[in-house]
Amino acid sequence: MRVRKIIGAALGGLLVLTFLAWFHAISQKEPPATSRYLEMNERIDGARLGSVAVAPADEALTFARYRTPQGLRLVRVEKYENGRVLGTDISALQKAGSVPDPITLWAQSSYEAIASQAGPAVALDAAQLVLPFDGTETQIAMGGTYREHAKETTLEKPFVFPKLRPAQPWNAPVPVAGALLDYEIELGFVALRPVAQGAGKESYGLVLASDYTDRAVMLREIDLSDTHSGEGFSRAKSLAPMPVGALFVVPRDLRSFYKKLDMRLYVNGRLRQIALPKDLSWDIDQMVQESFSRRNRLYRYGEGQVRLPIGEQGIPARTLVLSGTTDGVAFRPPSGRQLFIGVVEWLASLRWANPRLVVERSLTEARNDKTHLQPGDTVLMRADYLGFLANPIVP
């Protein structure tokens, strides 16, 4: 009897201490997230917002499309200045009956023929530019490929997952729709033809790409026992639109060209990310190799399952390979304090079969602190040679 009383008293004391610790924890707030980019205090100005460098034709071919009452037209871009795009209409180089598209033209012609093709001079407002290529419904995405982003999100190694979203125009609005919405800037590699397993160094087109993410879905669905499996990422990154830049670039020497890019993302004009593809831990060839090694893997997607878009002929032409993002995102992993509160509230809920409830405290605080994208925000992405994205965040 004495032992039972001692045990009972000890348990009672433990419960009281746990309650007091929980009460103290919920009365505290997380310190504001720091970012080396915010500390730079860089803002985008009007001159940089309307102009980007365009690669010379002997280094890379730059394409854009615009729409007329007669249909789409394809332009070889030569200048992008003060919100105006100057170039040559090369639609006539493409075979009759096919929709103007840089990937179709690439299959029908050659680098030299496209670079030398004459045609009517074109001057367009950037607002007239539309999606620069016809893409696929499912893409291949990378996570953890920049070491600084892996460090800020506690990832230890890169991984691959399918993204079920087609590319959309550079200025498409992005709805919050109740999500804990985060931004990411990425370099997109677009397959110019089917990519077979074990193939040599293929050529790819390049686009500036976004990867908007619902962090609440990601935290609730991630595989806590193997965060590098890619589980939970597919649906979290497939709910919002995926705008890409209006310029489609095919370099003569892809592997040296993309490593000199400097891609920057701004929220409401203030710098949040600088992505330098030279810092990627996987190059494009390893990304493809890693994708093939997972071609038969099933990824949970809601109540169903999905695979990477790799068929009998390999990766289909027009598939976008998203190379991953750098640090500076809004998301921060749950802190020790938040996890403690989450564990206590999960145990008190008696819903022990659902351990994912542990992350709810961090999600609630992120919503209350409005650290993620809000309606009325504007996300701008810019890179010389690749152009712009300008996405209004809407309800």
Protein backbone atom coordinates (compact mmCIF):
# COMPACT_ATOMS: atom_id res chain seq x y z
CA MET A 1 0.00 0.00 0.00
CA ARG A 2 2.84 2.39 0.87
CA VAL A 3 4.53 1.69 -2.46
CA ARG A 4 1.30 2.45 -4.31
CA LYS A 5 0.96 5.74 -2.50
CA ILE A 6 4.52 6.67 -3.35
CA ILE A 7 3.99 5.79 -7.02
CA GLY A 8 0.69 7.65 -7.07
CA ALA A 9 2.25 10.72 -5.50
CA ALA A 10 5.15 10.58 -7.95
CA LEU A 11 2.82 10.33 -10.93
CA GLY A 12 0.69 13.14 -9.58
CA GLY A 13 3.75 15.29 -9.11
CA LEU A 14 4.94 14.46 -12.61
CA LEU A 15 1.57 15.48 -14.06
CA VAL A 16 1.64 18.76 -12.15
CA LEU A 17 5.18 19.50 -13.32
CA THR A 18 4.24 18.58 -16.90
CA PHE A 19 1.21 20.89 -16.75
CA LEU A 20 3.29 23.74 -15.34
CA ALA A 21 5.97 23.22 -18.02
CA TRP A 22 3.29 23.08 -20.73
CA PHE A 23 1.62 26.23 -19.40
CA HIS A 24 4.96 28.05 -19.34
CA ALA A 25 5.81 26.83 -22.85
CA ILE A 26 2.54 28.01 -24.43
CA SER A 27 3.03 31.44 -22.85
CA GLN A 28 6.31 31.86 -24.73
CA LYS A 29 6.88 32.84 -28.35
CA GLU A 30 9.44 31.67 -30.84
CA PRO A 31 12.14 34.21 -31.67
CA PRO A 32 11.71 35.70 -35.14
CA ALA A 33 13.35 33.68 -37.90
CA THR A 34 16.61 35.14 -39.15
CA SER A 35 17.85 35.06 -42.73
CA ARG A 36 21.14 36.16 -44.20
CA TYR A 37 19.19 37.54 -47.17
CA LEU A 38 16.93 39.75 -45.07
CA GLU A 39 20.03 41.05 -43.33
CA MET A 40 21.36 42.19 -46.73
CA ASN A 41 18.35 44.52 -46.92
CA GLU A 42 18.39 44.28 -50.73
CA ARG A 43 15.30 45.46 -52.57
CA ILE A 44 14.51 45.14 -56.24
CA ASP A 45 14.30 48.45 -58.10
CA GLY A 46 12.45 49.41 -61.26
CA ALA A 47 15.49 49.16 -63.52
CA ARG A 48 16.29 45.59 -62.48
CA LEU A 49 12.64 44.60 -62.54
CA GLY A 50 12.21 45.38 -66.23
CA SER A 51 15.51 44.26 -67.76
CA VAL A 52 17.59 41.08 -67.90
CA ALA A 53 20.62 40.06 -69.91
CA VAL A 54 19.94 37.78 -72.87
CA ALA A 55 22.64 35.30 -73.87
CA PRO A 56 24.28 35.88 -77.26
CA ALA A 57 23.11 33.41 -79.90
CA ASP A 58 26.49 31.67 -80.09
CA GLU A 59 26.17 30.85 -76.36
CA ALA A 60 22.47 30.02 -76.01
CA LEU A 61 19.20 30.29 -77.92
CA THR A 62 16.47 32.17 -76.08
CA PHE A 63 12.83 31.64 -77.04
CA ALA A 64 9.54 33.24 -76.09
CA ARG A 65 5.97 32.94 -77.33
CA TYR A 66 3.12 35.38 -77.70
CA ARG A 67 -0.40 35.06 -78.97
CA THR A 68 -2.03 36.84 -81.93
CA PRO A 69 -5.59 36.53 -83.27
CA GLN A 70 -4.15 33.96 -85.69
CA GLY A 71 -2.55 31.89 -82.92
CA LEU A 72 0.78 31.42 -81.16
CA ARG A 73 4.03 32.85 -82.52
CA LEU A 74 7.59 31.85 -81.65
CA VAL A 75 10.30 34.46 -81.13
CA ARG A 76 14.07 34.17 -80.90
CA VAL A 77 14.72 36.73 -78.18
CA GLU A 78 17.64 39.13 -78.56
CA LYS A 79 16.97 41.82 -75.93
CA TYR A 80 14.85 42.23 -72.79
CA GLU A 81 14.97 45.84 -71.66
CA ASN A 82 12.64 48.18 -69.78
CA GLY A 83 9.77 45.72 -69.90
CA ARG A 84 10.12 45.24 -73.67
CA VAL A 85 11.22 42.11 -75.49
CA LEU A 86 12.94 42.46 -78.87
CA GLY A 87 13.63 39.62 -81.22
CA THR A 88 12.94 37.80 -84.48
CA ASP A 89 9.78 35.88 -85.31
CA ILE A 90 11.03 32.43 -86.36
CA SER A 91 7.64 30.70 -86.55
CA ALA A 92 8.19 30.10 -90.28
CA LEU A 93 11.16 27.79 -89.53
CA GLN A 94 8.82 25.25 -87.97
CA LYS A 95 7.03 22.73 -90.16
CA ALA A 96 3.58 23.71 -91.34
CA GLY A 97 0.72 22.43 -89.23
CA SER A 98 2.61 22.20 -85.92
CA VAL A 99 2.01 24.55 -83.02
CA PRO A 100 4.92 26.99 -82.57
CA ASP A 101 7.00 25.59 -79.72
CA PRO A 102 10.77 25.63 -79.05
CA ILE A 103 10.93 21.91 -78.25
CA THR A 104 9.11 20.98 -81.45
CA LEU A 105 11.41 23.29 -83.41
CA TRP A 106 14.48 21.78 -81.74
CA ALA A 107 13.42 18.32 -82.95
CA GLN A 108 12.85 19.60 -86.51
CA SER A 109 15.91 21.82 -86.95
CA SER A 110 19.42 22.48 -85.64
CA TYR A 111 21.12 24.97 -83.36
CA GLU A 112 22.83 26.71 -86.29
CA ALA A 113 19.67 26.92 -88.39
CA ILE A 114 17.67 28.41 -85.53
CA ALA A 115 20.42 30.89 -84.65
CA SER A 116 20.70 32.14 -88.25
CA GLN A 117 17.01 32.11 -89.20
CA ALA A 118 15.81 35.46 -90.57
CA GLY A 119 12.31 36.75 -89.96
CA PRO A 120 10.22 39.78 -89.05
CA ALA A 121 11.53 41.90 -86.18
CA VAL A 122 9.27 41.77 -83.13
CA ALA A 123 8.92 44.23 -80.23
CA LEU A 124 6.61 43.15 -77.42
CA ASP A 125 5.59 44.25 -73.98
CA ALA A 126 6.70 41.57 -71.53
CA ALA A 127 3.07 41.28 -70.41
CA GLN A 128 2.25 39.79 -73.83
CA LEU A 129 4.50 36.77 -73.29
CA VAL A 130 2.79 33.47 -72.58
CA LEU A 131 3.98 30.03 -71.45
CA PRO A 132 7.15 29.48 -73.55
CA PHE A 133 6.67 25.74 -74.18
CA ASP A 134 4.00 23.05 -74.03
CA GLY A 135 4.80 20.87 -71.03
CA THR A 136 3.64 17.71 -69.30
CA GLU A 137 1.23 17.14 -66.41
CA THR A 138 3.74 15.48 -64.05
CA GLN A 139 7.27 16.64 -63.26
CA ILE A 140 10.32 15.33 -61.39
CA ALA A 141 11.38 17.36 -58.36
CA MET A 142 14.44 17.37 -56.11
CA GLY A 143 14.67 18.21 -52.42
CA GLY A 144 17.69 19.04 -50.28
CA THR A 145 20.05 19.70 -53.19
CA TYR A 146 21.37 22.99 -51.76
CA ARG A 147 23.34 22.44 -48.57
CA GLU A 148 22.19 25.67 -46.91
CA HIS A 149 18.53 24.80 -47.43
CA ALA A 150 19.13 21.25 -46.23
CA LYS A 151 20.69 22.71 -43.10
CA GLU A 152 17.82 25.13 -42.35
CA THR A 153 15.23 22.37 -42.80
CA THR A 154 17.28 19.62 -41.04
CA LEU A 155 17.56 17.48 -44.16
CA GLU A 156 20.70 15.39 -44.46
CA LYS A 157 20.76 14.30 -48.09
CA PRO A 158 18.97 15.03 -51.39
CA PHE A 159 15.92 13.09 -52.53
CA VAL A 160 13.46 12.85 -55.44
CA PHE A 161 9.65 13.01 -55.66
CA PRO A 162 6.96 13.48 -58.33
CA LYS A 163 5.18 16.83 -58.68
CA LEU A 164 1.72 16.66 -60.23
CA ARG A 165 1.45 20.13 -61.71
CA PRO A 166 1.84 21.48 -65.27
CA ALA A 167 3.84 24.64 -65.89
CA GLN A 168 1.84 27.86 -65.94
CA PRO A 169 2.58 31.40 -67.21
CA TRP A 170 5.10 33.64 -65.50
CA ASN A 171 2.52 36.08 -64.11
CA ALA A 172 -0.11 33.59 -62.91
CA PRO A 173 -1.77 34.44 -59.56
CA VAL A 174 -1.12 31.96 -56.77
CA PRO A 175 -4.01 31.39 -54.33
CA VAL A 176 -3.39 30.76 -50.63
CA ALA A 177 -6.65 28.79 -50.42
CA GLY A 178 -6.19 28.10 -46.72
CA ALA A 179 -2.64 26.76 -47.14
CA LEU A 180 0.43 27.58 -45.09
CA LEU A 181 1.95 28.79 -48.33
CA ASP A 182 5.70 29.03 -48.86
CA TYR A 183 7.82 30.20 -51.81
CA GLU A 184 10.80 28.54 -53.52
CA ILE A 185 12.86 29.62 -56.52
CA GLU A 186 14.28 26.82 -58.67
CA LEU A 187 16.11 26.19 -61.91
CA GLY A 188 14.04 23.98 -64.20
CA PHE A 189 15.64 21.60 -66.72
CA VAL A 190 13.24 20.64 -69.52
CA ALA A 191 13.85 17.43 -71.47
CA LEU A 192 14.14 18.30 -75.19
CA ARG A 193 13.59 14.66 -76.15
CA PRO A 194 12.91 11.41 -74.25
CA VAL A 195 15.77 10.67 -71.86
CA ALA A 196 16.70 6.99 -71.71
CA GLN A 197 18.35 5.35 -68.73
CA GLY A 198 22.11 5.32 -69.10
CA ALA A 199 22.06 7.87 -71.93
CA GLY A 200 25.01 10.22 -72.28
CA LYS A 201 24.95 13.88 -71.42
CA GLU A 202 21.61 15.01 -72.82
CA SER A 203 20.73 18.58 -73.75
CA TYR A 204 17.95 20.35 -71.86
CA GLY A 205 16.11 23.62 -72.06
CA LEU A 206 16.20 25.91 -69.04
CA VAL A 207 13.44 27.92 -67.36
CA LEU A 208 13.18 29.93 -64.18
CA ALA A 209 10.69 27.99 -62.05
CA SER A 210 8.67 28.34 -58.85
CA ASP A 211 7.74 25.66 -56.35
CA TYR A 212 4.98 26.93 -54.05
CA THR A 213 4.40 24.60 -51.10
CA ASP A 214 1.69 23.98 -48.51
CA ARG A 215 3.89 23.43 -45.46
CA ALA A 216 0.96 22.25 -43.33
CA VAL A 217 0.26 19.37 -45.70
CA MET A 218 3.96 18.58 -45.89
CA LEU A 219 4.41 18.36 -42.11
CA ARG A 220 1.25 16.32 -41.66
CA GLU A 221 2.08 13.81 -44.39
CA ILE A 222 5.86 13.52 -44.29
CA ASP A 223 7.26 10.11 -43.38
CA LEU A 224 8.73 10.85 -39.95
CA SER A 225 10.73 7.62 -40.00
CA ASP A 226 12.39 8.51 -43.33
CA THR A 227 12.19 12.19 -44.18
CA HIS A 228 14.35 11.60 -47.29
CA SER A 229 11.84 9.23 -48.88
CA GLY A 230 9.96 12.12 -50.50
CA GLU A 231 6.71 11.02 -48.86
CA GLY A 232 4.41 13.97 -48.16
CA PHE A 233 6.21 16.29 -50.56
CA SER A 234 4.26 15.38 -53.71
CA ARG A 235 0.85 16.55 -52.53
CA ALA A 236 2.22 19.50 -50.53
CA LYS A 237 3.96 20.77 -53.67
CA SER A 238 1.20 19.97 -56.15
CA LEU A 239 -1.68 21.97 -54.69
CA ALA A 240 -0.61 25.46 -55.78
CA PRO A 241 0.12 26.58 -59.37
CA MET A 242 3.64 26.28 -60.78
CA PRO A 243 4.47 29.41 -62.80
CA VAL A 244 7.65 29.38 -64.89
CA GLY A 245 9.51 32.16 -66.63
CA ALA A 246 8.50 33.42 -70.08
CA LEU A 247 11.95 32.72 -71.54
CA PHE A 248 13.03 29.23 -72.66
CA VAL A 249 16.79 28.92 -73.02
CA VAL A 250 18.73 26.19 -74.82
CA PRO A 251 22.48 26.63 -74.15
CA ARG A 252 25.12 25.36 -76.52
CA ASP A 253 27.11 24.11 -73.51
CA LEU A 254 24.45 23.39 -70.89
CA ARG A 255 26.71 22.27 -68.05
CA SER A 256 28.91 25.35 -68.01
CA PHE A 257 26.05 27.74 -68.77
CA TYR A 258 23.69 26.88 -65.91
CA LYS A 259 26.45 27.02 -63.32
CA LYS A 260 26.95 30.76 -63.88
CA LEU A 261 23.32 31.67 -63.18
CA ASP A 262 22.28 33.88 -60.26
CA MET A 263 18.57 33.56 -59.41
CA ARG A 264 16.88 35.85 -56.87
CA LEU A 265 13.49 35.84 -55.18
CA TYR A 266 11.81 38.83 -53.53
CA VAL A 267 8.66 39.04 -51.42
CA ASN A 268 7.05 42.47 -51.58
CA GLY A 269 10.26 43.78 -53.13
CA ARG A 270 12.58 42.50 -50.40
CA LEU A 271 15.22 39.84 -51.04
CA ARG A 272 14.47 36.40 -49.59
CA GLN A 273 16.55 33.93 -51.64
CA ILE A 274 19.66 33.81 -53.85
CA ALA A 275 20.03 30.49 -55.67
CA LEU A 276 23.36 29.78 -57.37
CA PRO A 277 23.08 26.52 -59.36
CA LYS A 278 26.85 26.06 -59.17
CA ASP A 279 26.21 25.12 -55.52
CA LEU A 280 23.85 22.24 -56.31
CA SER A 281 25.05 19.01 -54.66
CA TRP A 282 23.68 17.00 -57.63
CA ASP A 283 24.28 18.10 -61.21
CA ILE A 284 21.61 17.48 -63.82
CA ASP A 285 23.10 14.14 -64.84
CA GLN A 286 23.00 12.82 -61.28
CA MET A 287 19.45 14.13 -60.84
CA VAL A 288 18.41 12.05 -63.82
CA GLN A 289 20.34 9.03 -62.58
CA GLU A 290 18.77 9.29 -59.13
CA SER A 291 15.32 9.60 -60.71
CA PHE A 292 15.80 6.38 -62.69
CA SER A 293 16.91 4.56 -59.53
CA ARG A 294 13.46 5.39 -58.07
CA ARG A 295 11.36 4.79 -61.19
CA ASN A 296 9.38 1.92 -59.59
CA ARG A 297 8.86 3.57 -56.23
CA LEU A 298 5.30 4.35 -55.14
CA TYR A 299 4.67 7.67 -53.37
CA ARG A 300 1.59 8.21 -51.24
CA TYR A 301 -0.63 10.96 -52.63
CA GLY A 302 -3.71 11.53 -50.48
CA GLU A 303 -5.60 8.24 -50.52
CA GLY A 304 -3.77 7.02 -53.62
CA GLN A 305 -0.25 6.49 -54.90
CA VAL A 306 1.82 8.04 -57.68
CA ARG A 307 5.12 7.34 -59.44
CA LEU A 308 7.77 9.43 -61.08
CA PRO A 309 6.91 10.15 -64.74
CA ILE A 310 9.30 7.59 -66.20
CA GLY A 311 7.95 5.18 -68.81
CA GLU A 312 9.36 2.50 -71.10
CA GLN A 313 11.19 5.10 -73.17
CA GLY A 314 12.51 6.86 -70.09
CA ILE A 315 11.71 10.40 -69.04
CA PRO A 316 9.26 11.87 -71.57
CA ALA A 317 10.25 14.89 -73.61
CA ARG A 318 8.95 18.16 -72.10
CA THR A 319 9.18 16.84 -68.54
CA LEU A 320 10.45 19.49 -66.14
CA VAL A 321 13.19 18.47 -63.70
CA LEU A 322 13.02 20.89 -60.76
CA SER A 323 16.49 21.09 -59.26
CA GLY A 324 15.59 22.16 -55.71
CA THR A 325 15.77 25.42 -53.80
CA THR A 326 18.24 27.23 -51.59
CA ASP A 327 17.85 28.60 -48.07
CA GLY A 328 15.74 31.61 -47.08
CA VAL A 329 12.28 30.03 -47.25
CA ALA A 330 9.60 30.97 -44.69
CA PHE A 331 9.40 27.44 -43.26
CA ARG A 332 11.25 26.47 -40.10
CA PRO A 333 11.15 22.97 -38.58
CA PRO A 334 9.18 22.67 -35.31
CA SER A 335 11.30 23.84 -32.37
CA GLY A 336 11.94 21.79 -29.25
CA ARG A 337 9.42 23.96 -27.39
CA GLN A 338 6.75 23.40 -30.04
CA LEU A 339 7.40 19.67 -30.10
CA PHE A 340 7.12 19.48 -26.30
CA ILE A 341 3.75 21.25 -26.40
CA GLY A 342 2.67 19.05 -29.29
CA VAL A 343 3.58 15.84 -27.46
CA VAL A 344 1.70 16.89 -24.31
CA GLU A 345 -1.38 17.92 -26.29
CA TRP A 346 -1.24 14.73 -28.35
CA LEU A 347 -1.10 12.58 -25.20
CA ALA A 348 -3.90 14.58 -23.58
CA SER A 349 -6.08 14.16 -26.69
CA LEU A 350 -6.06 10.35 -26.23
CA ARG A 351 -5.71 10.12 -30.05
CA TRP A 352 -2.50 8.16 -29.71
CA ALA A 353 -2.93 6.43 -33.05
CA ASN A 354 -2.29 9.78 -34.74
CA PRO A 355 1.21 10.95 -33.69
CA ARG A 356 1.18 13.57 -36.47
CA LEU A 357 -0.83 15.75 -34.07
CA VAL A 358 2.55 16.58 -32.51
CA VAL A 359 3.22 19.14 -35.28
CA GLU A 360 -0.06 21.03 -34.92
CA ARG A 361 1.33 23.54 -32.41
CA SER A 362 4.05 24.67 -34.84
CA LEU A 363 1.48 25.00 -37.63
CA THR A 364 -0.88 27.05 -35.45
CA GLU A 365 1.90 29.41 -34.43
CA ALA A 366 3.09 29.84 -38.02
CA ARG A 367 -0.45 30.79 -39.06
CA ASN A 368 -0.85 33.21 -36.17
CA ASP A 369 2.53 34.82 -36.78
CA LYS A 370 1.79 35.15 -40.52
CA THR A 371 5.34 34.16 -41.36
CA HIS A 372 4.21 32.55 -44.63
CA LEU A 373 2.70 34.14 -47.74
CA GLN A 374 -0.49 36.15 -47.26
CA PRO A 375 -3.11 37.45 -49.73
CA GLY A 376 -1.88 40.77 -51.07
CA ASP A 377 1.79 39.73 -51.15
CA THR A 378 3.74 39.69 -54.41
CA VAL A 379 6.53 37.23 -55.17
CA LEU A 380 9.07 38.32 -57.78
CA MET A 381 11.78 36.06 -59.20
CA ARG A 382 14.56 37.28 -61.47
CA ALA A 383 17.61 35.88 -63.24
CA ASP A 384 19.73 37.21 -66.06
CA TYR A 385 19.29 34.98 -69.13
CA LEU A 386 16.10 33.39 -67.70
CA GLY A 387 13.80 36.38 -67.16
CA PHE A 388 11.14 37.03 -64.52
CA LEU A 389 8.24 35.65 -62.59
CA ALA A 390 5.76 38.01 -60.91
CA ASN A 391 3.09 36.20 -58.92
CA PRO A 392 0.39 38.02 -56.94
CA ILE A 393 -0.70 36.03 -53.89
CA VAL A 394 -4.48 35.94 -53.77
CA PRO A 395 -7.06 34.45 -51.36
